[in-house]
Amino acid sequence: MVRTNILLKLPNTWNVLFIVFAVIVMIGVCYYVASYLSKNKNKSKFVKSGIKDIDYMDGFQFEQYLAYMFRANDYKVQVTSERKNFGADLIIKKSGAKIVVRAKRQKAKVGIKAIQEIVAAQNHYKAEEFWLITNNFYTKGARELAESNNVKLLDRYKLIELMTALNLSLSMTAGEFKQKVKAKPIKCVCGAQMVSKKNRHSGRSFYGCTTYPKCSHTKSIL
């Protein structure tokens, strides 16, 4: 009662300022709580999706995992031939719709070349939709070219959403799938196999020949 009387005695300007300050504080608290909850929700979705396991797959494993994921969700899936894929890695069908999928598991942003590859597939496959899926993101040029050619881009965030939505039907996590489906052997120019190695100074991973130091040929990991 005493506090109320004090407020009533204050000039109108001070009353207004007090109310404004109280509202600002309340908005700030609500924003902080909402941001905290959203951050934890996104972190949980990130972990459950298995995207980190995707990052450690090679291109072959990534394609096979996408095929496995779509099949488990009632898509009819055709994995194209490596030599004659005409810009497509998967042909998926559901409810009569035919979708051409190009998969890019990369450490760098996906550029224009990948868009050109799937655009080349449009006339050949005559599909309703064309998707490019990556665990990374796209360059500005790639996004512009995709938009002008009706190519649907699924970047890292959209892939996480897709995996979160489809993972309920899977019997294996991305990590378990990676252990089961071995990475495709990479052949060196000398004919021997290449394996993943790490630079002691930079910490970067690369492919090195198994016959090193006889053969010092290396290949970057995309």
Foldseek 3Di string as FASTA:
>chain_A
DVVVVVLVPDPPVVNVVVVVVVVVVVVVVVVVVVVVVVVVVVVVLVVQLQLVLLLPAAQVLNLVVVQQLVVLVVWDKDADDPVPPQLFGIWTDDPHFTEGEAEDEAPDADEQVSVVSQLRCCVVPVGPAYEYEYLAHHDPRNVVSCVVSRHHYQYNVNSSVVSSVRVVSDPDHSNRSPVVDDHDWDADPVGATWDWDADPPPRAIWTAGPPPPVDGDIGHGD
